[in-house]
Amino acid sequence: MTVLVEGDLQITLPNGATGRKFDDEKTHGLSHCMKAVDLIIELEDRILFVELKDPEHPASQPKDSQEFVNKFLAGQIDADLKTKYRSHGCSPSSPDAW
Protein backbone atom coordinates (compact mmCIF):
# COMPACT_ATOMS: atom_id res chain seq x y z
CA MET A 1 0.00 0.00 0.00
CA THR A 2 1.14 3.52 -0.80
CA VAL A 3 1.13 6.15 1.95
CA LEU A 4 1.32 9.80 0.92
CA VAL A 5 2.31 12.46 3.44
CA GLU A 6 1.35 16.12 3.22
CA GLY A 7 2.22 18.14 6.30
CA ASP A 8 0.86 16.25 9.30
CA LEU A 9 -1.62 14.27 7.17
CA GLN A 10 -1.03 10.70 6.02
CA ILE A 11 -3.19 9.25 3.27
CA THR A 12 -3.13 5.50 2.71
CA LEU A 13 -4.15 4.60 -0.83
CA PRO A 14 -6.11 1.43 -1.54
CA ASN A 15 -4.46 -1.52 -3.24
CA GLY A 16 -4.05 -0.89 -6.94
CA ALA A 17 -3.84 2.89 -6.58
CA THR A 18 -0.62 4.82 -7.02
CA GLY A 19 0.11 8.37 -6.10
CA ARG A 20 2.73 11.01 -5.59
CA LYS A 21 3.26 14.48 -4.28
CA PHE A 22 3.07 17.11 -6.97
CA ASP A 23 3.59 20.45 -5.27
CA ASP A 24 7.30 21.14 -5.06
CA GLU A 25 10.09 21.82 -7.54
CA LYS A 26 11.39 18.23 -7.35
CA THR A 27 8.09 16.63 -8.32
CA HIS A 28 6.39 19.29 -10.42
CA GLY A 29 8.12 19.68 -13.75
CA LEU A 30 5.18 21.12 -15.68
CA SER A 31 5.05 24.63 -14.23
CA HIS A 32 5.16 26.04 -17.76
CA CYS A 33 1.69 24.66 -18.40
CA MET A 34 0.05 23.40 -15.20
CA LYS A 35 -0.31 24.70 -11.68
CA ALA A 36 0.78 22.39 -8.88
CA VAL A 37 -1.61 20.29 -6.82
CA ASP A 38 -0.77 18.63 -3.52
CA LEU A 39 -1.17 15.05 -4.77
CA ILE A 40 -1.88 13.10 -7.93
CA ILE A 41 -3.55 9.75 -7.37
CA GLU A 42 -3.97 7.24 -10.18
CA LEU A 43 -6.81 4.75 -9.95
CA GLU A 44 -7.60 2.06 -12.47
CA ASP A 45 -10.20 4.17 -14.26
CA ARG A 46 -9.28 7.78 -13.42
CA ILE A 47 -6.67 10.24 -12.24
CA LEU A 48 -7.39 12.41 -9.21
CA PHE A 49 -5.81 15.83 -8.72
CA VAL A 50 -5.96 16.45 -4.96
CA GLU A 51 -5.64 19.85 -3.34
CA LEU A 52 -5.71 19.69 0.46
CA LYS A 53 -6.96 22.63 2.52
CA ASP A 54 -7.27 22.86 6.30
CA PRO A 55 -9.30 25.91 7.31
CA GLU A 56 -8.89 24.93 10.97
CA HIS A 57 -5.08 24.87 10.84
CA PRO A 58 -3.66 26.80 13.82
CA ALA A 59 -1.77 29.18 11.51
CA SER A 60 -4.85 30.10 9.46
CA GLN A 61 -6.61 33.38 10.07
CA PRO A 62 -10.25 33.12 11.27
CA LYS A 63 -11.40 35.46 8.47
CA ASP A 64 -9.64 33.35 5.82
CA SER A 65 -11.00 30.12 7.30
CA GLN A 66 -14.56 31.39 7.26
CA GLU A 67 -14.15 32.72 3.73
CA PHE A 68 -12.93 29.31 2.57
CA VAL A 69 -15.82 27.51 4.26
CA ASN A 70 -18.34 29.94 2.73
CA LYS A 71 -16.86 29.49 -0.77
CA PHE A 72 -16.86 25.71 -0.32
CA LEU A 73 -20.50 25.61 0.78
CA ALA A 74 -21.50 27.86 -2.12
CA GLY A 75 -19.78 25.57 -4.67
CA GLN A 76 -17.23 28.20 -5.67
CA ILE A 77 -14.22 26.05 -4.82
CA ASP A 78 -15.19 23.53 -7.51
CA ALA A 79 -15.07 26.21 -10.19
CA ASP A 80 -11.73 27.53 -8.92
CA LEU A 81 -10.13 24.08 -8.91
CA LYS A 82 -11.60 23.11 -12.27
CA THR A 83 -9.95 26.04 -13.99
CA LYS A 84 -6.73 25.66 -12.00
CA TYR A 85 -6.00 22.27 -13.55
CA ARG A 86 -7.03 22.78 -17.13
CA SER A 87 -4.18 22.36 -19.53
CA HIS A 88 -2.30 25.46 -20.62
CA GLY A 89 -0.31 24.13 -23.53
CA CYS A 90 0.38 20.62 -22.23
CA SER A 91 -0.92 17.73 -24.19
CA PRO A 92 0.24 14.17 -24.81
CA SER A 93 1.31 15.25 -28.29
CA SER A 94 3.65 17.84 -26.77
CA PRO A 95 7.04 16.19 -26.06
CA ASP A 96 7.50 18.07 -22.77
CA ALA A 97 3.97 17.48 -21.56
CA TRP A 98 4.49 14.41 -19.45
PDB file of N, CA and C in Angstrom:
ATOM      1  N   MET A   1       0.829  -1.188   0.000  1.00  0.00           N
ATOM      2  CA  MET A   1       0.000   0.000   0.000  1.00  0.00           C
ATOM      3  C   MET A   1       0.873   1.251   0.000  1.00  0.00           C
ATOM      4  N   THR A   2       0.425   2.251  -0.725  1.00  0.00           N
ATOM      5  CA  THR A   2       1.138   3.521  -0.803  1.00  0.00           C
ATOM      6  C   THR A   2       0.594   4.468   0.258  1.00  0.00           C
ATOM      7  N   VAL A   3       1.507   5.135   0.975  1.00  0.00           N
ATOM      8  CA  VAL A   3       1.130   6.151   1.950  1.00  0.00           C
ATOM      9  C   VAL A   3       1.731   7.470   1.488  1.00  0.00           C
ATOM     10  N   LEU A   4       0.883   8.465   1.312  1.00  0.00           N
ATOM     11  CA  LEU A   4       1.322   9.800   0.918  1.00  0.00           C
ATOM     12  C   LEU A   4       1.248  10.704   2.139  1.00  0.00           C
ATOM     13  N   VAL A   5       2.257  11.565   2.298  1.00  0.00           N
ATOM     14  CA  VAL A   5       2.312  12.463   3.444  1.00  0.00           C
ATOM     15  C   VAL A   5       2.306  13.901   2.950  1.00  0.00           C
ATOM     16  N   GLU A   6       1.420  14.687   3.520  1.00  0.00           N
ATOM     17  CA  GLU A   6       1.346  16.120   3.222  1.00  0.00           C
ATOM     18  C   GLU A   6       1.192  16.830   4.558  1.00  0.00           C
ATOM     19  N   GLY A   7       2.248  17.503   4.990  1.00  0.00           N
ATOM     20  CA  GLY A   7       2.222  18.137   6.304  1.00  0.00           C
ATOM     21  C   GLY A   7       2.067  17.081   7.366  1.00  0.00           C
ATOM     22  N   ASP A   8       1.084  17.246   8.249  1.00  0.00           N
ATOM     23  CA  ASP A   8       0.862  16.252   9.299  1.00  0.00           C
ATOM     24  C   ASP A   8      -0.225  15.246   8.924  1.00  0.00           C
ATOM     25  N   LEU A   9      -0.627  15.228   7.653  1.00  0.00           N
ATOM     26  CA  LEU A   9      -1.621  14.267   7.173  1.00  0.00           C
ATOM     27  C   LEU A   9      -0.939  13.085   6.501  1.00  0.00           C
ATOM     28  N   GLN A  10      -1.471  11.905   6.724  1.00  0.00           N
ATOM     29  CA  GLN A  10      -1.030  10.705   6.019  1.00  0.00           C
ATOM     30  C   GLN A  10      -2.241  10.095   5.337  1.00  0.00           C
ATOM     31  N   ILE A  11      -2.092   9.822   4.045  1.00  0.00           N
ATOM     32  CA  ILE A  11      -3.189   9.249   3.272  1.00  0.00           C
ATOM     33  C   ILE A  11      -2.730   7.894   2.754  1.00  0.00           C
ATOM     34  N   THR A  12      -3.434   6.850   3.163  1.00  0.00           N
ATOM     35  CA  THR A  12      -3.132   5.496   2.711  1.00  0.00           C
ATOM     36  C   THR A  12      -4.023   5.186   1.515  1.00  0.00           C
ATOM     37  N   LEU A  13      -3.400   4.894   0.392  1.00  0.00           N
ATOM     38  CA  LEU A  13      -4.147   4.596  -0.830  1.00  0.00           C
ATOM     39  C   LEU A  13      -4.558   3.129  -0.835  1.00  0.00           C
ATOM     40  N   PRO A  14      -5.685   2.831  -1.452  1.00  0.00           N
ATOM     41  CA  PRO A  14      -6.115   1.432  -1.541  1.00  0.00           C
ATOM     42  C   PRO A  14      -5.205   0.644  -2.487  1.00  0.00           C
ATOM     43  N   ASN A  15      -5.236  -0.658  -2.347  1.00  0.00           N
ATOM     44  CA  ASN A  15      -4.465  -1.520  -3.244  1.00  0.00           C
ATOM     45  C   ASN A  15      -4.834  -1.208  -4.687  1.00  0.00           C
ATOM     46  N   GLY A  16      -3.839  -1.166  -5.534  1.00  0.00           N
ATOM     47  CA  GLY A  16      -4.052  -0.893  -6.944  1.00  0.00           C
ATOM     48  C   GLY A  16      -3.946   0.578  -7.302  1.00  0.00           C
ATOM     49  N   ALA A  17      -3.967   1.452  -6.318  1.00  0.00           N
ATOM     50  CA  ALA A  17      -3.840   2.890  -6.580  1.00  0.00           C
ATOM     51  C   ALA A  17      -2.384   3.300  -6.381  1.00  0.00           C
ATOM     52  N   THR A  18      -1.952   4.246  -7.190  1.00  0.00           N
ATOM     53  CA  THR A  18      -0.621   4.817  -7.018  1.00  0.00           C
ATOM     54  C   THR A  18      -0.780   6.316  -6.869  1.00  0.00           C
ATOM     55  N   GLY A  19       0.202   6.938  -6.279  1.00  0.00           N
ATOM     56  CA  GLY A  19       0.105   8.369  -6.099  1.00  0.00           C
ATOM     57  C   GLY A  19       1.454   8.973  -5.797  1.00  0.00           C
ATOM     58  N   ARG A  20       1.500  10.300  -5.910  1.00  0.00           N
ATOM     59  CA  ARG A  20       2.731  11.014  -5.590  1.00  0.00           C
ATOM     60  C   ARG A  20       2.422  12.454  -5.267  1.00  0.00           C
ATOM     61  N   LYS A  21       3.362  13.059  -4.549  1.00  0.00           N
ATOM     62  CA  LYS A  21       3.258  14.482  -4.277  1.00  0.00           C
ATOM     63  C   LYS A  21       3.533  15.224  -5.576  1.00  0.00           C
ATOM     64  N   PHE A  22       2.921  16.380  -5.721  1.00  0.00           N
ATOM     65  CA  PHE A  22       3.073  17.113  -6.970  1.00  0.00           C
ATOM     66  C   PHE A  22       3.050  18.620  -6.713  1.00  0.00           C
ATOM     67  N   ASP A  23       3.685  19.035  -5.603  1.00  0.00           N
ATOM     68  CA  ASP A  23       3.591  20.450  -5.268  1.00  0.00           C
ATOM     69  C   ASP A  23       4.920  21.098  -4.892  1.00  0.00           C
ATOM     70  N   ASP A  24       6.019  20.481  -5.294  1.00  0.00           N
ATOM     71  CA  ASP A  24       7.297  21.139  -5.062  1.00  0.00           C
ATOM     72  C   ASP A  24       8.148  21.060  -6.321  1.00  0.00           C
ATOM     73  N   GLU A  25       9.276  21.755  -6.325  1.00  0.00           N
ATOM     74  CA  GLU A  25      10.094  21.823  -7.542  1.00  0.00           C
ATOM     75  C   GLU A  25      10.645  20.464  -7.965  1.00  0.00           C
ATOM     76  N   LYS A  26      10.877  19.558  -7.010  1.00  0.00           N
ATOM     77  CA  LYS A  26      11.394  18.232  -7.347  1.00  0.00           C
ATOM     78  C   LYS A  26      10.383  17.394  -8.123  1.00  0.00           C
ATOM     79  N   THR A  27       9.102  17.515  -7.743  1.00  0.00           N
ATOM     80  CA  THR A  27       8.088  16.629  -8.319  1.00  0.00           C
ATOM     81  C   THR A  27       7.248  17.279  -9.400  1.00  0.00           C
ATOM     82  N   HIS A  28       7.262  18.595  -9.474  1.00  0.00           N
ATOM     83  CA  HIS A  28       6.392  19.291 -10.415  1.00  0.00           C
ATOM     84  C   HIS A  28       7.236  19.893 -11.529  1.00  0.00           C
ATOM     85  N   GLY A  29       7.312  19.211 -12.640  1.00  0.00           N
ATOM     86  CA  GLY A  29       8.117  19.678 -13.755  1.00  0.00           C
ATOM     87  C   GLY A  29       7.314  20.302 -14.881  1.00  0.00           C
ATOM     88  N   LEU A  30       6.050  20.588 -14.622  1.00  0.00           N
ATOM     89  CA  LEU A  30       5.183  21.117 -15.679  1.00  0.00           C
ATOM     90  C   LEU A  30       4.714  22.534 -15.377  1.00  0.00           C
ATOM     91  N   SER A  31       5.499  23.292 -14.633  1.00  0.00           N
ATOM     92  CA  SER A  31       5.045  24.628 -14.228  1.00  0.00           C
ATOM     93  C   SER A  31       4.817  25.551 -15.416  1.00  0.00           C
ATOM     94  N   HIS A  32       5.378  25.217 -16.571  1.00  0.00           N
ATOM     95  CA  HIS A  32       5.163  26.036 -17.760  1.00  0.00           C
ATOM     96  C   HIS A  32       3.743  25.884 -18.308  1.00  0.00           C
ATOM     97  N   CYS A  33       3.012  24.868 -17.839  1.00  0.00           N
ATOM     98  CA  CYS A  33       1.686  24.657 -18.403  1.00  0.00           C
ATOM     99  C   CYS A  33       0.636  24.175 -17.403  1.00  0.00           C
ATOM    100  N   MET A  34       1.015  23.931 -16.158  1.00  0.00           N
ATOM    101  CA  MET A  34       0.051  23.399 -15.195  1.00  0.00           C
ATOM    102  C   MET A  34       0.419  23.838 -13.795  1.00  0.00           C
ATOM    103  N   LYS A  35      -0.552  24.345 -13.063  1.00  0.00           N
ATOM    104  CA  LYS A  35      -0.311  24.704 -11.677  1.00  0.00           C
ATOM    105  C   LYS A  35      -0.161  23.428 -10.850  1.00  0.00           C
ATOM    106  N   ALA A  36       0.553  23.546  -9.754  1.00  0.00           N
ATOM    107  CA  ALA A  36       0.781  22.393  -8.879  1.00  0.00           C
ATOM    108  C   ALA A  36      -0.483  22.045  -8.095  1.00  0.00           C
ATOM    109  N   VAL A  37      -0.609  20.780  -7.764  1.00  0.00           N
ATOM    110  CA  VAL A  37      -1.608  20.288  -6.820  1.00  0.00           C
ATOM    111  C   VAL A  37      -0.830  19.565  -5.733  1.00  0.00           C
ATOM    112  N   ASP A  38      -1.472  19.309  -4.602  1.00  0.00           N
ATOM    113  CA  ASP A  38      -0.767  18.633  -3.523  1.00  0.00           C
ATOM    114  C   ASP A  38      -0.412  17.189  -3.902  1.00  0.00           C
ATOM    115  N   LEU A  39      -1.360  16.469  -4.459  1.00  0.00           N
ATOM    116  CA  LEU A  39      -1.167  15.054  -4.774  1.00  0.00           C
ATOM    117  C   LEU A  39      -1.808  14.705  -6.116  1.00  0.00           C
ATOM    118  N   ILE A  40      -1.231  13.724  -6.782  1.00  0.00           N
ATOM    119  CA  ILE A  40      -1.880  13.101  -7.935  1.00  0.00           C
ATOM    120  C   ILE A  40      -2.035  11.625  -7.585  1.00  0.00           C
ATOM    121  N   ILE A  41      -3.253  11.135  -7.694  1.00  0.00           N
ATOM    122  CA  ILE A  41      -3.553   9.746  -7.372  1.00  0.00           C
ATOM    123  C   ILE A  41      -4.126   9.094  -8.617  1.00  0.00           C
ATOM    124  N   GLU A  42      -3.519   7.971  -9.000  1.00  0.00           N
ATOM    125  CA  GLU A  42      -3.972   7.241 -10.181  1.00  0.00           C
ATOM    126  C   GLU A  42      -4.726   5.993  -9.753  1.00  0.00           C
ATOM    127  N   LEU A  43      -5.982   5.926 -10.160  1.00  0.00           N
ATOM    128  CA  LEU A  43      -6.808   4.746  -9.950  1.00  0.00           C
ATOM    129  C   LEU A  43      -6.890   3.997 -11.274  1.00  0.00           C
ATOM    130  N   GLU A  44      -7.509   2.861 -11.253  1.00  0.00           N
ATOM    131  CA  GLU A  44      -7.603   2.056 -12.474  1.00  0.00           C
ATOM    132  C   GLU A  44      -8.331   2.790 -13.590  1.00  0.00           C
ATOM    133  N   ASP A  45      -9.361   3.555 -13.237  1.00  0.00           N
ATOM    134  CA  ASP A  45     -10.200   4.170 -14.261  1.00  0.00           C
ATOM    135  C   ASP A  45     -10.189   5.702 -14.261  1.00  0.00           C
ATOM    136  N   ARG A  46      -9.311   6.318 -13.443  1.00  0.00           N
ATOM    137  CA  ARG A  46      -9.276   7.783 -13.419  1.00  0.00           C
ATOM    138  C   ARG A  46      -8.028   8.288 -12.717  1.00  0.00           C
ATOM    139  N   ILE A  47      -7.771   9.559 -12.909  1.00  0.00           N
ATOM    140  CA  ILE A  47      -6.666  10.240 -12.236  1.00  0.00           C
ATOM    141  C   ILE A  47      -7.272  11.348 -11.387  1.00  0.00           C
ATOM    142  N   LEU A  48      -6.878  11.395 -10.121  1.00  0.00           N
ATOM    143  CA  LEU A  48      -7.392  12.409  -9.208  1.00  0.00           C
ATOM    144  C   LEU A  48      -6.318  13.454  -8.939  1.00  0.00           C
ATOM    145  N   PHE A  49      -6.667  14.715  -9.078  1.00  0.00           N
ATOM    146  CA  PHE A  49      -5.805  15.829  -8.720  1.00  0.00           C
ATOM    147  C   PHE A  49      -6.313  16.332  -7.378  1.00  0.00           C
ATOM    148  N   VAL A  50      -5.508  16.176  -6.321  1.00  0.00           N
ATOM    149  CA  VAL A  50      -5.964  16.447  -4.961  1.00  0.00           C
ATOM    150  C   VAL A  50      -5.290  17.699  -4.414  1.00  0.00           C
ATOM    151  N   GLU A  51      -6.102  18.633  -3.986  1.00  0.00           N
ATOM    152  CA  GLU A  51      -5.638  19.854  -3.339  1.00  0.00           C
ATOM    153  C   GLU A  51      -6.185  19.822  -1.909  1.00  0.00           C
ATOM    154  N   LEU A  52      -5.296  19.772  -0.934  1.00  0.00           N
ATOM    155  CA  LEU A  52      -5.706  19.693   0.462  1.00  0.00           C
ATOM    156  C   LEU A  52      -5.751  21.090   1.074  1.00  0.00           C
ATOM    157  N   LYS A  53      -6.802  21.366   1.811  1.00  0.00           N
ATOM    158  CA  LYS A  53      -6.956  22.635   2.522  1.00  0.00           C
ATOM    159  C   LYS A  53      -7.415  22.323   3.937  1.00  0.00           C
ATOM    160  N   ASP A  54      -6.885  23.046   4.901  1.00  0.00           N
ATOM    161  CA  ASP A  54      -7.266  22.856   6.296  1.00  0.00           C
ATOM    162  C   ASP A  54      -7.633  24.203   6.896  1.00  0.00           C
ATOM    163  N   PRO A  55      -8.901  24.602   6.794  1.00  0.00           N
ATOM    164  CA  PRO A  55      -9.295  25.908   7.315  1.00  0.00           C
ATOM    165  C   PRO A  55      -9.187  26.016   8.828  1.00  0.00           C
ATOM    166  N   GLU A  56      -9.024  24.893   9.510  1.00  0.00           N
ATOM    167  CA  GLU A  56      -8.885  24.929  10.965  1.00  0.00           C
ATOM    168  C   GLU A  56      -7.432  24.825  11.415  1.00  0.00           C
ATOM    169  N   HIS A  57      -6.502  24.919  10.494  1.00  0.00           N
ATOM    170  CA  HIS A  57      -5.082  24.873  10.837  1.00  0.00           C
ATOM    171  C   HIS A  57      -4.768  26.012  11.808  1.00  0.00           C
ATOM    172  N   PRO A  58      -3.953  25.753  12.832  1.00  0.00           N
ATOM    173  CA  PRO A  58      -3.656  26.797  13.820  1.00  0.00           C
ATOM    174  C   PRO A  58      -3.065  28.079  13.225  1.00  0.00           C
ATOM    175  N   ALA A  59      -2.383  27.992  12.106  1.00  0.00           N
ATOM    176  CA  ALA A  59      -1.771  29.180  11.505  1.00  0.00           C
ATOM    177  C   ALA A  59      -2.740  29.960  10.611  1.00  0.00           C
ATOM    178  N   SER A  60      -3.908  29.399  10.337  1.00  0.00           N
ATOM    179  CA  SER A  60      -4.850  30.099   9.457  1.00  0.00           C
ATOM    180  C   SER A  60      -5.557  31.217  10.231  1.00  0.00           C
ATOM    181  N   GLN A  61      -5.905  32.239   9.488  1.00  0.00           N
ATOM    182  CA  GLN A  61      -6.607  33.378  10.070  1.00  0.00           C
ATOM    183  C   GLN A  61      -8.111  33.081  10.093  1.00  0.00           C
ATOM    184  N   PRO A  62      -8.800  33.414  11.188  1.00  0.00           N
ATOM    185  CA  PRO A  62     -10.247  33.121  11.269  1.00  0.00           C
ATOM    186  C   PRO A  62     -11.031  33.669  10.074  1.00  0.00           C
ATOM    187  N   LYS A  63     -10.705  34.868   9.616  1.00  0.00           N
ATOM    188  CA  LYS A  63     -11.405  35.465   8.468  1.00  0.00           C
ATOM    189  C   LYS A  63     -11.194  34.610   7.216  1.00  0.00           C
ATOM    190  N   ASP A  64      -9.943  34.176   6.987  1.00  0.00           N
ATOM    191  CA  ASP A  64      -9.644  33.351   5.817  1.00  0.00           C
ATOM    192  C   ASP A  64     -10.330  31.990   5.910  1.00  0.00           C
ATOM    193  N   SER A  65     -10.345  31.413   7.112  1.00  0.00           N
ATOM    194  CA  SER A  65     -10.997  30.118   7.297  1.00  0.00           C
ATOM    195  C   SER A  65     -12.474  30.210   6.981  1.00  0.00           C
ATOM    196  N   GLN A  66     -13.132  31.237   7.489  1.00  0.00           N
ATOM    197  CA  GLN A  66     -14.564  31.392   7.256  1.00  0.00           C
ATOM    198  C   GLN A  66     -14.846  31.664   5.780  1.00  0.00           C
ATOM    199  N   GLU A  67     -13.989  32.448   5.153  1.00  0.00           N
ATOM    200  CA  GLU A  67     -14.151  32.725   3.725  1.00  0.00           C
ATOM    201  C   GLU A  67     -14.047  31.435   2.915  1.00  0.00           C
ATOM    202  N   PHE A  68     -13.079  30.586   3.257  1.00  0.00           N
ATOM    203  CA  PHE A  68     -12.925  29.305   2.566  1.00  0.00           C
ATOM    204  C   PHE A  68     -14.168  28.438   2.751  1.00  0.00           C
ATOM    205  N   VAL A  69     -14.639  28.323   3.977  1.00  0.00           N
ATOM    206  CA  VAL A  69     -15.821  27.505   4.256  1.00  0.00           C
ATOM    207  C   VAL A  69     -17.028  28.036   3.486  1.00  0.00           C
ATOM    208  N   ASN A  70     -17.216  29.346   3.463  1.00  0.00           N
ATOM    209  CA  ASN A  70     -18.336  29.942   2.728  1.00  0.00           C
ATOM    210  C   ASN A  70     -18.242  29.640   1.236  1.00  0.00           C
ATOM    211  N   LYS A  71     -17.044  29.783   0.654  1.00  0.00           N
ATOM    212  CA  LYS A  71     -16.858  29.486  -0.772  1.00  0.00           C
ATOM    213  C   LYS A  71     -17.114  28.007  -1.047  1.00  0.00           C
ATOM    214  N   PHE A  72     -16.651  27.150  -0.152  1.00  0.00           N
ATOM    215  CA  PHE A  72     -16.858  25.711  -0.316  1.00  0.00           C
ATOM    216  C   PHE A  72     -18.347  25.375  -0.307  1.00  0.00           C
ATOM    217  N   LEU A  73     -19.072  25.901   0.671  1.00  0.00           N
ATOM    218  CA  LEU A  73     -20.497  25.611   0.785  1.00  0.00           C
ATOM    219  C   LEU A  73     -21.295  26.176  -0.386  1.00  0.00           C
ATOM    220  N   ALA A  74     -20.807  27.244  -0.981  1.00  0.00           N
ATOM    221  CA  ALA A  74     -21.495  27.858  -2.124  1.00  0.00           C
ATOM    222  C   ALA A  74     -21.114  27.206  -3.451  1.00  0.00           C
ATOM    223  N   GLY A  75     -20.193  26.242  -3.434  1.00  0.00           N
ATOM    224  CA  GLY A  75     -19.785  25.573  -4.669  1.00  0.00           C
ATOM    225  C   GLY A  75     -18.750  26.330  -5.476  1.00  0.00           C
ATOM    226  N   GLN A  76     -18.205  27.395  -4.936  1.00  0.00           N
ATOM    227  CA  GLN A  76     -17.232  28.203  -5.673  1.00  0.00           C
ATOM    228  C   GLN A  76     -15.861  27.545  -5.746  1.00  0.00           C
ATOM    229  N   ILE A  77     -15.531  26.713  -4.801  1.00  0.00           N
ATOM    230  CA  ILE A  77     -14.221  26.046  -4.816  1.00  0.00           C
ATOM    231  C   ILE A  77     -14.119  25.122  -6.026  1.00  0.00           C
ATOM    232  N   ASP A  78     -15.204  24.434  -6.353  1.00  0.00           N
ATOM    233  CA  ASP A  78     -15.193  23.535  -7.514  1.00  0.00           C
ATOM    234  C   ASP A  78     -14.791  24.275  -8.777  1.00  0.00           C
ATOM    235  N   ALA A  79     -15.381  25.429  -8.997  1.00  0.00           N
ATOM    236  CA  ALA A  79     -15.073  26.211 -10.193  1.00  0.00           C
ATOM    237  C   ALA A  79     -13.622  26.674 -10.182  1.00  0.00           C
ATOM    238  N   ASP A  80     -13.129  27.093  -9.025  1.00  0.00           N
ATOM    239  CA  ASP A  80     -11.729  27.527  -8.916  1.00  0.00           C
ATOM    240  C   ASP A  80     -10.769  26.386  -9.248  1.00  0.00           C
ATOM    241  N   LEU A  81     -11.030  25.217  -8.674  1.00  0.00           N
ATOM    242  CA  LEU A  81     -10.134  24.078  -8.906  1.00  0.00           C
ATOM    243  C   LEU A  81     -10.226  23.578 -10.339  1.00  0.00           C
ATOM    244  N   LYS A  82     -11.421  23.591 -10.893  1.00  0.00           N
ATOM    245  CA  LYS A  82     -11.604  23.107 -12.268  1.00  0.00           C
ATOM    246  C   LYS A  82     -10.751  23.917 -13.243  1.00  0.00           C
ATOM    247  N   THR A  83     -10.747  25.225 -13.083  1.00  0.00           N
ATOM    248  CA  THR A  83      -9.954  26.043 -13.993  1.00  0.00           C
ATOM    249  C   THR A  83      -8.474  25.996 -13.653  1.00  0.00           C
ATOM    250  N   LYS A  84      -8.134  25.731 -12.400  1.00  0.00           N
ATOM    251  CA  LYS A  84      -6.730  25.664 -11.998  1.00  0.00           C
ATOM    252  C   LYS A  84      -5.998  24.547 -12.732  1.00  0.00           C
ATOM    253  N   TYR A  85      -6.677  23.437 -13.000  1.00  0.00           N
ATOM    254  CA  TYR A  85      -5.998  22.267 -13.549  1.00  0.00           C
ATOM    255  C   TYR A  85      -6.268  22.004 -15.013  1.00  0.00           C
ATOM    256  N   ARG A  86      -6.884  22.949 -15.682  1.00  0.00           N
ATOM    257  CA  ARG A  86      -7.033  22.779 -17.126  1.00  0.00           C
ATOM    258  C   ARG A  86      -5.683  22.982 -17.778  1.00  0.00           C
ATOM    259  N   SER A  87      -5.464  22.298 -18.834  1.00  0.00           N
ATOM    260  CA  SER A  87      -4.181  22.360 -19.528  1.00  0.00           C
ATOM    261  C   SER A  87      -3.939  23.730 -20.141  1.00  0.00           C
ATOM    262  N   HIS A  88      -2.727  24.206 -20.018  1.00  0.00           N
ATOM    263  CA  HIS A  88      -2.301  25.465 -20.625  1.00  0.00           C
ATOM    264  C   HIS A  88      -1.124  25.172 -21.547  1.00  0.00           C
ATOM    265  N   GLY A  89      -1.370  24.426 -22.587  1.00  0.00           N
ATOM    266  CA  GLY A  89      -0.314  24.125 -23.532  1.00  0.00           C
ATOM    267  C   GLY A  89       0.281  22.735 -23.383  1.00  0.00           C
ATOM    268  N   CYS A  90      -0.117  22.000 -22.387  1.00  0.00           N
ATOM    269  CA  CYS A  90       0.377  20.623 -22.233  1.00  0.00           C
ATOM    270  C   CYS A  90      -0.609  19.672 -22.886  1.00  0.00           C
ATOM    271  N   SER A  91      -0.091  18.781 -23.634  1.00  0.00           N
ATOM    272  CA  SER A  91      -0.922  17.729 -24.192  1.00  0.00           C
ATOM    273  C   SER A  91      -0.037  16.538 -24.465  1.00  0.00           C
ATOM    274  N   PRO A  92      -0.588  15.346 -24.536  1.00  0.00           N
ATOM    275  CA  PRO A  92       0.237  14.171 -24.807  1.00  0.00           C
ATOM    276  C   PRO A  92       1.032  14.293 -26.089  1.00  0.00           C
ATOM    277  N   SER A  93       0.570  15.114 -27.045  1.00  0.00           N
ATOM    278  CA  SER A  93       1.307  15.246 -28.294  1.00  0.00           C
ATOM    279  C   SER A  93       2.506  16.200 -28.140  1.00  0.00           C
ATOM    280  N   SER A  94       2.527  16.933 -27.026  1.00  0.00           N
ATOM    281  CA  SER A  94       3.647  17.838 -26.765  1.00  0.00           C
ATOM    282  C   SER A  94       4.754  17.044 -26.076  1.00  0.00           C
ATOM    283  N   PRO A  95       5.977  17.025 -26.603  1.00  0.00           N
ATOM    284  CA  PRO A  95       7.036  16.186 -26.056  1.00  0.00           C
ATOM    285  C   PRO A  95       7.361  16.485 -24.596  1.00  0.00           C
ATOM    286  N   ASP A  96       7.184  17.717 -24.144  1.00  0.00           N
ATOM    287  CA  ASP A  96       7.501  18.069 -22.771  1.00  0.00           C
ATOM    288  C   ASP A  96       6.313  17.935 -21.836  1.00  0.00           C
ATOM    289  N   ALA A  97       5.200  17.470 -22.354  1.00  0.00           N
ATOM    290  CA  ALA A  97       3.966  17.476 -21.563  1.00  0.00           C
ATOM    291  C   ALA A  97       4.024  16.546 -20.369  1.00  0.00           C
ATOM    292  N   TRP A  98       4.526  15.370 -20.544  1.00  0.00           N
ATOM    293  CA  TRP A  98       4.487  14.413 -19.446  1.00  0.00           C
ATOM    294  C   TRP A  98       5.889  14.089 -19.064  1.00  0.00           C
TER     295      TRP A  98
END
